[in-house]
Amino acid sequence: MFSLTATTLLTTLLTLASASPLASLTLRQTYQLAVDYNSAPGMSPAEWSGPVLVPIAMLTTFPGAPISASALRIDNETDSGLVLKDIECRAYRDTAGVETGSAPFTLAQEALLSTNLASVSSVLCYVTESD
């Protein structure tokens, strides 16, 4: 009669798992860019804060959310390996990405939120199709 102890079974499973082709896969590279925000009211001189690193296609909560901002922009000094002109971002008032907090913004066009300060909690950046 054949019987396996729990230790033998666990050892066998771990050996099989380490021999699997899936064990040799590396994690997918994550691309990210930097987003800055103006923490001064819209009619005052700009006081840009940040950068906040935002992974592409991942809703990201601003540290200390919600933040108060009058404008948002993509930081043009981002060294991400991405073509920044092909990136578009949108801010949200909530951390779940349900309540829109800004129009889409790009490297060429920042998002003007308000002449006062507006609350935003998260941002989503994504690649758009190039012309």
Protein backbone atom coordinates (compact mmCIF):
# COMPACT_ATOMS: atom_id res chain seq x y z
CA MET A 1 0.00 0.00 0.00
CA PHE A 2 1.24 3.50 -0.90
CA SER A 3 0.82 6.40 1.50
CA LEU A 4 2.11 9.95 1.40
CA THR A 5 2.84 12.04 4.41
CA ALA A 6 2.02 15.72 4.38
CA THR A 7 5.75 16.57 4.19
CA THR A 8 6.31 14.26 1.22
CA LEU A 9 3.30 15.69 -0.58
CA LEU A 10 4.40 19.29 0.04
CA THR A 11 7.95 18.55 -1.13
CA THR A 12 6.63 16.93 -4.32
CA LEU A 13 4.34 19.89 -5.08
CA LEU A 14 7.13 22.43 -4.51
CA THR A 15 9.49 20.47 -6.77
CA LEU A 16 6.90 20.35 -9.53
CA ALA A 17 6.14 24.07 -9.16
CA SER A 18 9.80 25.06 -9.44
CA ALA A 19 10.17 22.95 -12.60
CA SER A 20 7.18 24.64 -14.21
CA PRO A 21 7.82 27.02 -17.15
CA LEU A 22 5.73 29.61 -15.25
CA ALA A 23 8.38 29.74 -12.53
CA SER A 24 10.87 31.26 -14.97
CA LEU A 25 8.60 34.12 -16.10
CA THR A 26 9.64 37.58 -14.99
CA LEU A 27 7.22 40.20 -13.81
CA ARG A 28 5.85 42.49 -16.48
CA GLN A 29 7.66 45.82 -16.59
CA THR A 30 5.60 48.68 -15.22
CA TYR A 31 5.84 52.02 -16.99
CA GLN A 32 5.17 55.16 -15.02
CA LEU A 33 5.34 58.90 -15.41
CA ALA A 34 5.32 61.88 -13.09
CA VAL A 35 2.36 64.20 -12.53
CA ASP A 36 2.74 67.62 -10.90
CA TYR A 37 -0.01 69.69 -9.30
CA ASN A 38 -0.37 73.42 -8.67
CA SER A 39 -1.25 73.93 -5.02
CA ALA A 40 -1.85 77.69 -5.39
CA PRO A 41 -5.22 79.18 -6.35
CA GLY A 42 -5.54 79.68 -10.10
CA MET A 43 -5.05 83.46 -10.03
CA SER A 44 -1.88 83.26 -7.86
CA PRO A 45 1.64 82.50 -9.07
CA ALA A 46 2.07 78.78 -9.66
CA GLU A 47 3.35 76.64 -6.81
CA TRP A 48 3.97 73.30 -8.52
CA SER A 49 4.27 70.32 -6.19
CA GLY A 50 5.20 66.74 -6.91
CA PRO A 51 6.12 64.80 -8.79
CA VAL A 52 3.70 62.00 -8.01
CA LEU A 53 4.70 58.79 -9.80
CA VAL A 54 1.76 57.31 -11.68
CA PRO A 55 1.97 53.84 -13.27
CA ILE A 56 0.38 53.65 -16.73
CA ALA A 57 -3.15 52.20 -16.75
CA MET A 58 -3.34 52.01 -12.95
CA LEU A 59 -5.60 54.27 -10.92
CA THR A 60 -3.23 55.95 -8.45
CA THR A 61 -4.21 57.73 -5.24
CA PHE A 62 -2.37 60.97 -4.52
CA PRO A 63 -0.33 60.76 -1.31
CA GLY A 64 -2.33 62.48 1.45
CA ALA A 65 -5.49 62.42 -0.69
CA PRO A 66 -7.49 64.41 -1.24
CA ILE A 67 -5.11 67.13 -2.38
CA SER A 68 -6.07 70.71 -3.16
CA ALA A 69 -4.99 71.86 -6.59
CA SER A 70 -5.87 74.39 -9.25
CA ALA A 71 -4.09 72.59 -12.11
CA LEU A 72 -2.43 69.29 -13.02
CA ARG A 73 0.25 68.54 -15.59
CA ILE A 74 2.47 65.73 -16.85
CA ASP A 75 6.04 66.41 -15.73
CA ASN A 76 8.06 66.84 -18.93
CA GLU A 77 11.21 65.63 -17.17
CA THR A 78 9.79 62.14 -16.71
CA ASP A 79 12.32 59.54 -17.87
CA SER A 80 9.97 56.63 -18.36
CA GLY A 81 10.86 55.16 -21.73
CA LEU A 82 7.44 56.31 -22.92
CA VAL A 83 6.56 58.76 -25.66
CA LEU A 84 5.02 61.37 -23.38
CA LYS A 85 3.05 63.04 -26.17
CA ASP A 86 1.07 59.77 -26.46
CA ILE A 87 -0.01 59.82 -22.79
CA GLU A 88 -3.27 61.22 -21.49
CA CYS A 89 -4.31 61.48 -17.85
CA ARG A 90 -7.50 62.28 -15.97
CA ALA A 91 -7.96 63.16 -12.30
CA TYR A 92 -10.78 61.96 -10.08
CA ARG A 93 -12.33 63.47 -6.96
CA ASP A 94 -12.50 60.09 -5.24
CA THR A 95 -10.00 57.26 -4.77
CA ALA A 96 -12.21 54.78 -6.68
CA GLY A 97 -12.01 56.73 -9.96
CA VAL A 98 -15.76 57.28 -10.21
CA GLU A 99 -16.20 61.06 -9.80
CA THR A 100 -14.39 62.91 -12.59
CA GLY A 101 -12.17 65.66 -11.23
CA SER A 102 -10.59 67.02 -14.41
CA ALA A 103 -10.75 67.03 -18.15
CA PRO A 104 -8.12 64.83 -19.79
CA PHE A 105 -4.66 66.40 -19.71
CA THR A 106 -1.54 65.76 -21.75
CA LEU A 107 2.05 66.91 -21.97
CA ALA A 108 0.91 69.78 -24.22
CA GLN A 109 -2.22 70.71 -22.24
CA GLU A 110 -2.45 70.86 -18.47
CA ALA A 111 -5.76 70.40 -16.68
CA LEU A 112 -7.10 73.64 -15.23
CA LEU A 113 -9.30 72.59 -12.33
CA SER A 114 -10.50 75.86 -10.85
CA THR A 115 -9.56 79.49 -10.18
CA ASN A 116 -9.80 78.41 -6.55
CA LEU A 117 -8.54 75.10 -5.25
CA ALA A 118 -10.35 71.86 -6.11
CA SER A 119 -10.07 68.53 -4.31
CA VAL A 120 -8.71 65.57 -6.26
CA SER A 121 -7.85 62.16 -4.86
CA SER A 122 -6.61 59.99 -7.71
CA VAL A 123 -5.31 60.04 -11.27
CA LEU A 124 -5.30 57.58 -14.17
CA CYS A 125 -2.84 57.87 -17.06
CA TYR A 126 -3.03 55.81 -20.24
CA VAL A 127 -1.49 55.58 -23.70
CA THR A 128 -3.48 57.07 -26.56
CA GLU A 129 -3.09 56.16 -30.20
CA SER A 130 -0.56 58.23 -32.13
CA ASP A 131 -1.36 59.87 -35.41
